[in-house]
Amino acid sequence: MRMRVAFTIVGITVMAALAAQAVQAQSRGLGRINGTVAAESGEPIAGVIVKVEVGDDSIEGKSDGTGKWAVSGLGKGQFFVEFLKAGFETKRVRLVIEKETMQSDPIKIQLKKGE
């Protein structure tokens, strides 16, 4: 019986440690990413949804009339960012934030016209 309790405690400890690492890998914080989104022709695209996956949740932003966008509330870690707009192919990029800063250097994204 003691052996079973010991394995259970070890199992719970390992699961808690893994869960803590997952939270560290993608966390919310004070960081902000920003940039522009344009068509391949160079024309800015308004109304592009910028969706950042944060664990099981997401944070969204939207590009303005000049193609500028920003998403706030990110901590350190690896994130996947999707750029979605009807008439264009969805683009998904991986972003690694090594140091939480108030603002990133602008990220330039180009979208291809959809079929």
N, C-alpha and C. Protein backbone atom coordinates (compact mmCIF):
# COMPACT_ATOMS: atom_id res chain seq x y z
N MET A 1 0.81 -1.18 0.00
CA MET A 1 0.00 0.00 0.00
C MET A 1 0.86 1.26 0.00
N ARG A 2 1.95 1.24 0.79
CA ARG A 2 2.83 2.40 0.84
C ARG A 2 3.46 2.68 -0.52
N MET A 3 3.78 1.62 -1.23
CA MET A 3 4.40 1.75 -2.54
C MET A 3 3.44 2.47 -3.49
N ARG A 4 2.17 2.10 -3.47
CA ARG A 4 1.17 2.70 -4.35
C ARG A 4 1.04 4.20 -4.04
N VAL A 5 1.02 4.58 -2.78
CA VAL A 5 0.92 5.99 -2.37
C VAL A 5 2.14 6.76 -2.86
N ALA A 6 3.32 6.16 -2.74
CA ALA A 6 4.55 6.82 -3.17
C ALA A 6 4.52 7.08 -4.67
N PHE A 7 4.08 6.09 -5.47
CA PHE A 7 3.99 6.28 -6.92
C PHE A 7 2.97 7.34 -7.27
N THR A 8 1.87 7.40 -6.56
CA THR A 8 0.84 8.39 -6.81
C THR A 8 1.38 9.79 -6.53
N ILE A 9 2.08 9.97 -5.44
CA ILE A 9 2.65 11.27 -5.10
C ILE A 9 3.68 11.68 -6.13
N VAL A 10 4.54 10.77 -6.55
CA VAL A 10 5.53 11.06 -7.58
C VAL A 10 4.83 11.44 -8.88
N GLY A 11 3.80 10.71 -9.25
CA GLY A 11 3.05 11.01 -10.48
C GLY A 11 2.43 12.38 -10.44
N ILE A 12 1.84 12.76 -9.33
CA ILE A 12 1.23 14.08 -9.20
C ILE A 12 2.29 15.16 -9.27
N THR A 13 3.44 14.94 -8.64
CA THR A 13 4.53 15.91 -8.66
C THR A 13 5.04 16.12 -10.09
N VAL A 14 5.23 15.05 -10.83
CA VAL A 14 5.70 15.13 -12.22
C VAL A 14 4.67 15.87 -13.07
N MET A 15 3.40 15.55 -12.92
CA MET A 15 2.36 16.21 -13.71
C MET A 15 2.30 17.70 -13.39
N ALA A 16 2.46 18.07 -12.14
CA ALA A 16 2.46 19.49 -11.75
C ALA A 16 3.65 20.23 -12.35
N ALA A 17 4.81 19.58 -12.36
CA ALA A 17 6.00 20.20 -12.95
C ALA A 17 5.82 20.40 -14.45
N LEU A 18 5.28 19.43 -15.14
CA LEU A 18 5.04 19.56 -16.58
C LEU A 18 4.02 20.64 -16.86
N ALA A 19 2.99 20.75 -16.08
CA ALA A 19 1.98 21.80 -16.27
C ALA A 19 2.60 23.17 -16.06
N ALA A 20 3.49 23.31 -15.09
CA ALA A 20 4.15 24.59 -14.83
C ALA A 20 5.02 24.98 -16.01
N GLN A 21 5.71 24.00 -16.63
CA GLN A 21 6.54 24.29 -17.79
C GLN A 21 5.68 24.74 -18.96
N ALA A 22 4.53 24.13 -19.16
CA ALA A 22 3.64 24.51 -20.26
C ALA A 22 3.18 25.94 -20.07
N VAL A 23 2.88 26.33 -18.84
CA VAL A 23 2.45 27.71 -18.59
C VAL A 23 3.60 28.66 -18.85
N GLN A 24 4.83 28.29 -18.47
CA GLN A 24 5.98 29.13 -18.72
C GLN A 24 6.24 29.27 -20.21
N ALA A 25 6.00 28.22 -20.98
CA ALA A 25 6.29 28.25 -22.41
C ALA A 25 5.43 29.28 -23.13
N GLN A 26 4.21 29.47 -22.68
CA GLN A 26 3.33 30.44 -23.28
C GLN A 26 2.59 31.14 -22.15
N SER A 27 2.94 32.38 -21.93
CA SER A 27 2.30 33.08 -20.83
C SER A 27 1.86 34.47 -21.24
N ARG A 28 0.96 34.99 -20.46
CA ARG A 28 0.52 36.36 -20.66
C ARG A 28 1.44 37.27 -19.87
N GLY A 29 1.59 38.47 -20.35
CA GLY A 29 2.45 39.42 -19.67
C GLY A 29 2.19 40.82 -20.17
N LEU A 30 3.21 41.65 -20.12
CA LEU A 30 3.08 43.05 -20.51
C LEU A 30 3.64 43.33 -21.90
N GLY A 31 4.11 42.28 -22.58
CA GLY A 31 4.72 42.46 -23.89
C GLY A 31 3.71 42.78 -24.98
N ARG A 32 4.21 43.44 -26.03
CA ARG A 32 3.36 43.85 -27.15
C ARG A 32 4.11 43.57 -28.44
N ILE A 33 3.43 42.90 -29.38
CA ILE A 33 4.00 42.72 -30.71
C ILE A 33 3.19 43.59 -31.66
N ASN A 34 3.84 44.03 -32.74
CA ASN A 34 3.17 44.89 -33.70
C ASN A 34 3.84 44.77 -35.05
N GLY A 35 3.18 45.28 -36.06
CA GLY A 35 3.76 45.26 -37.39
C GLY A 35 2.77 45.72 -38.43
N THR A 36 3.03 45.29 -39.66
CA THR A 36 2.17 45.64 -40.78
C THR A 36 1.85 44.38 -41.58
N VAL A 37 0.72 44.43 -42.28
CA VAL A 37 0.35 43.33 -43.16
C VAL A 37 -0.05 43.93 -44.50
N ALA A 38 0.49 43.32 -45.56
CA ALA A 38 0.26 43.83 -46.91
C ALA A 38 0.08 42.67 -47.88
N ALA A 39 -0.50 42.99 -49.02
CA ALA A 39 -0.60 42.01 -50.11
C ALA A 39 0.78 41.88 -50.76
N GLU A 40 0.94 40.87 -51.59
CA GLU A 40 2.23 40.68 -52.28
C GLU A 40 2.59 41.90 -53.13
N SER A 41 1.59 42.62 -53.58
CA SER A 41 1.82 43.82 -54.38
C SER A 41 2.34 44.98 -53.55
N GLY A 42 2.28 44.85 -52.22
CA GLY A 42 2.74 45.91 -51.35
C GLY A 42 1.63 46.77 -50.77
N GLU A 43 0.41 46.58 -51.28
CA GLU A 43 -0.73 47.35 -50.78
C GLU A 43 -1.08 46.90 -49.37
N PRO A 44 -1.27 47.85 -48.44
CA PRO A 44 -1.67 47.45 -47.08
C PRO A 44 -3.05 46.80 -47.09
N ILE A 45 -3.27 45.88 -46.15
CA ILE A 45 -4.56 45.18 -46.06
C ILE A 45 -5.21 45.54 -44.73
N ALA A 46 -6.39 46.12 -44.80
CA ALA A 46 -7.15 46.46 -43.60
C ALA A 46 -8.03 45.28 -43.19
N GLY A 47 -8.32 45.19 -41.92
CA GLY A 47 -9.26 44.18 -41.42
C GLY A 47 -8.72 42.77 -41.31
N VAL A 48 -7.40 42.61 -41.31
CA VAL A 48 -6.81 41.28 -41.12
C VAL A 48 -6.88 40.94 -39.63
N ILE A 49 -7.40 39.77 -39.31
CA ILE A 49 -7.43 39.29 -37.93
C ILE A 49 -6.06 38.72 -37.60
N VAL A 50 -5.47 39.19 -36.51
CA VAL A 50 -4.18 38.71 -36.03
C VAL A 50 -4.48 37.95 -34.74
N LYS A 51 -4.30 36.63 -34.80
CA LYS A 51 -4.68 35.77 -33.68
C LYS A 51 -3.44 35.10 -33.10
N VAL A 52 -3.15 35.35 -31.83
CA VAL A 52 -1.99 34.79 -31.15
C VAL A 52 -2.48 33.71 -30.19
N GLU A 53 -2.00 32.48 -30.38
CA GLU A 53 -2.36 31.38 -29.49
C GLU A 53 -1.52 31.45 -28.23
N VAL A 54 -2.21 31.47 -27.08
CA VAL A 54 -1.55 31.50 -25.78
C VAL A 54 -2.11 30.33 -24.99
N GLY A 55 -1.41 29.20 -25.05
CA GLY A 55 -1.92 27.98 -24.41
C GLY A 55 -3.22 27.56 -25.07
N ASP A 56 -4.25 27.37 -24.27
CA ASP A 56 -5.57 26.98 -24.79
C ASP A 56 -6.42 28.20 -25.13
N ASP A 57 -5.87 29.37 -24.99
CA ASP A 57 -6.60 30.61 -25.22
C ASP A 57 -5.98 31.34 -26.41
N SER A 58 -6.52 32.49 -26.76
CA SER A 58 -5.92 33.30 -27.81
C SER A 58 -6.18 34.78 -27.53
N ILE A 59 -5.33 35.61 -28.10
CA ILE A 59 -5.47 37.06 -28.03
C ILE A 59 -5.56 37.52 -29.48
N GLU A 60 -6.48 38.42 -29.78
CA GLU A 60 -6.66 38.87 -31.16
C GLU A 60 -6.50 40.37 -31.30
N GLY A 61 -6.07 40.74 -32.48
CA GLY A 61 -5.98 42.14 -32.89
C GLY A 61 -6.48 42.22 -34.32
N LYS A 62 -6.50 43.42 -34.88
CA LYS A 62 -6.98 43.61 -36.25
C LYS A 62 -6.19 44.74 -36.89
N SER A 63 -5.86 44.56 -38.16
CA SER A 63 -5.10 45.60 -38.86
C SER A 63 -6.01 46.78 -39.21
N ASP A 64 -5.43 47.97 -39.19
CA ASP A 64 -6.19 49.17 -39.53
C ASP A 64 -6.10 49.47 -41.03
N GLY A 65 -6.54 50.62 -41.44
CA GLY A 65 -6.56 50.98 -42.86
C GLY A 65 -5.20 51.07 -43.51
N THR A 66 -4.15 51.22 -42.70
CA THR A 66 -2.79 51.27 -43.25
C THR A 66 -2.06 49.94 -43.10
N GLY A 67 -2.79 48.90 -42.65
CA GLY A 67 -2.19 47.58 -42.48
C GLY A 67 -1.47 47.38 -41.16
N LYS A 68 -1.48 48.41 -40.30
CA LYS A 68 -0.80 48.29 -39.01
C LYS A 68 -1.66 47.51 -38.03
N TRP A 69 -0.99 46.69 -37.20
CA TRP A 69 -1.67 45.88 -36.19
C TRP A 69 -0.79 45.80 -34.94
N ALA A 70 -1.42 45.45 -33.83
CA ALA A 70 -0.70 45.25 -32.57
C ALA A 70 -1.51 44.30 -31.71
N VAL A 71 -0.79 43.49 -30.93
CA VAL A 71 -1.41 42.58 -29.96
C VAL A 71 -0.62 42.73 -28.66
N SER A 72 -1.33 43.01 -27.58
CA SER A 72 -0.70 43.19 -26.26
C SER A 72 -1.05 42.04 -25.34
N GLY A 73 -0.28 41.93 -24.27
CA GLY A 73 -0.59 40.94 -23.23
C GLY A 73 0.20 39.66 -23.34
N LEU A 74 1.40 39.72 -23.94
CA LEU A 74 2.22 38.52 -24.13
C LEU A 74 3.41 38.51 -23.20
N GLY A 75 3.74 37.33 -22.69
CA GLY A 75 4.94 37.12 -21.89
C GLY A 75 6.02 36.46 -22.72
N LYS A 76 7.00 35.89 -22.05
CA LYS A 76 8.07 35.16 -22.74
C LYS A 76 7.54 33.81 -23.19
N GLY A 77 8.08 33.29 -24.29
CA GLY A 77 7.72 31.96 -24.75
C GLY A 77 7.59 31.88 -26.25
N GLN A 78 7.12 30.73 -26.71
CA GLN A 78 6.90 30.47 -28.14
C GLN A 78 5.40 30.59 -28.42
N PHE A 79 5.06 31.31 -29.46
CA PHE A 79 3.66 31.53 -29.82
C PHE A 79 3.47 31.28 -31.31
N PHE A 80 2.26 30.89 -31.68
CA PHE A 80 1.89 30.81 -33.09
C PHE A 80 0.93 31.94 -33.37
N VAL A 81 1.20 32.67 -34.45
CA VAL A 81 0.39 33.82 -34.82
C VAL A 81 -0.22 33.55 -36.19
N GLU A 82 -1.55 33.71 -36.30
CA GLU A 82 -2.25 33.53 -37.57
C GLU A 82 -2.76 34.86 -38.07
N PHE A 83 -2.66 35.04 -39.38
CA PHE A 83 -3.16 36.23 -40.06
C PHE A 83 -4.26 35.77 -40.99
N LEU A 84 -5.50 36.20 -40.73
CA LEU A 84 -6.67 35.71 -41.45
C LEU A 84 -7.45 36.86 -42.09
N LYS A 85 -7.79 36.70 -43.35
CA LYS A 85 -8.61 37.69 -44.06
C LYS A 85 -9.26 36.99 -45.25
N ALA A 86 -10.57 37.18 -45.41
CA ALA A 86 -11.28 36.60 -46.55
C ALA A 86 -10.64 37.10 -47.84
N GLY A 87 -10.46 36.19 -48.79
CA GLY A 87 -9.85 36.54 -50.07
C GLY A 87 -8.34 36.36 -50.09
N PHE A 88 -7.75 36.02 -48.93
CA PHE A 88 -6.31 35.82 -48.83
C PHE A 88 -6.04 34.48 -48.16
N GLU A 89 -4.88 33.89 -48.48
CA GLU A 89 -4.47 32.66 -47.81
C GLU A 89 -4.08 32.99 -46.37
N THR A 90 -4.49 32.13 -45.45
CA THR A 90 -4.12 32.30 -44.04
C THR A 90 -2.62 32.05 -43.90
N LYS A 91 -1.98 32.90 -43.14
CA LYS A 91 -0.55 32.73 -42.89
C LYS A 91 -0.36 32.47 -41.41
N ARG A 92 0.45 31.48 -41.09
CA ARG A 92 0.73 31.11 -39.69
C ARG A 92 2.24 31.16 -39.50
N VAL A 93 2.68 31.91 -38.50
CA VAL A 93 4.10 32.03 -38.21
C VAL A 93 4.36 31.70 -36.75
N ARG A 94 5.56 31.22 -36.48
CA ARG A 94 5.99 30.93 -35.11
C ARG A 94 6.80 32.12 -34.64
N LEU A 95 6.51 32.56 -33.43
CA LEU A 95 7.18 33.71 -32.85
C LEU A 95 7.75 33.29 -31.50
N VAL A 96 9.02 33.60 -31.27
CA VAL A 96 9.65 33.31 -29.99
C VAL A 96 9.97 34.63 -29.32
N ILE A 97 9.43 34.80 -28.12
CA ILE A 97 9.73 36.00 -27.34
C ILE A 97 10.68 35.57 -26.24
N GLU A 98 11.93 36.01 -26.34
CA GLU A 98 12.94 35.61 -25.37
C GLU A 98 12.99 36.56 -24.18
N LYS A 99 12.60 37.80 -24.43
CA LYS A 99 12.63 38.79 -23.37
C LYS A 99 11.35 39.61 -23.47
N GLU A 100 10.61 39.63 -22.39
CA GLU A 100 9.36 40.39 -22.38
C GLU A 100 9.69 41.88 -22.43
N THR A 101 9.24 42.52 -23.50
CA THR A 101 9.46 43.97 -23.63
C THR A 101 8.11 44.63 -23.89
N MET A 102 8.09 45.91 -23.71
CA MET A 102 6.83 46.63 -23.89
C MET A 102 6.42 46.68 -25.35
N GLN A 103 7.37 46.59 -26.28
CA GLN A 103 7.02 46.60 -27.69
C GLN A 103 8.12 45.94 -28.51
N SER A 104 7.71 45.15 -29.51
CA SER A 104 8.67 44.47 -30.37
C SER A 104 9.06 45.38 -31.53
N ASP A 105 10.09 44.96 -32.26
CA ASP A 105 10.36 45.59 -33.55
C ASP A 105 9.20 45.22 -34.46
N PRO A 106 8.82 46.11 -35.39
CA PRO A 106 7.68 45.79 -36.28
C PRO A 106 7.91 44.52 -37.10
N ILE A 107 6.88 43.70 -37.20
CA ILE A 107 6.92 42.45 -37.95
C ILE A 107 6.16 42.69 -39.25
N LYS A 108 6.83 42.48 -40.38
CA LYS A 108 6.19 42.70 -41.69
C LYS A 108 5.71 41.37 -42.25
N ILE A 109 4.41 41.32 -42.57
CA ILE A 109 3.79 40.11 -43.09
C ILE A 109 3.19 40.40 -44.46
N GLN A 110 3.38 39.46 -45.40
CA GLN A 110 2.74 39.57 -46.71
C GLN A 110 1.77 38.39 -46.88
N LEU A 111 0.59 38.68 -47.37
CA LEU A 111 -0.40 37.65 -47.62
C LEU A 111 -0.59 37.47 -49.13
N LYS A 112 -0.77 36.21 -49.53
CA LYS A 112 -1.07 35.89 -50.93
C LYS A 112 -2.58 35.93 -51.14
N LYS A 113 -2.97 36.36 -52.31
CA LYS A 113 -4.40 36.33 -52.68
C LYS A 113 -4.87 34.88 -52.69
N GLY A 114 -6.07 34.66 -52.17
CA GLY A 114 -6.66 33.33 -52.16
C GLY A 114 -7.33 33.04 -53.49
N GLU A 115 -7.64 31.78 -53.71
CA GLU A 115 -8.30 31.39 -54.96
C GLU A 115 -9.78 31.32 -54.81
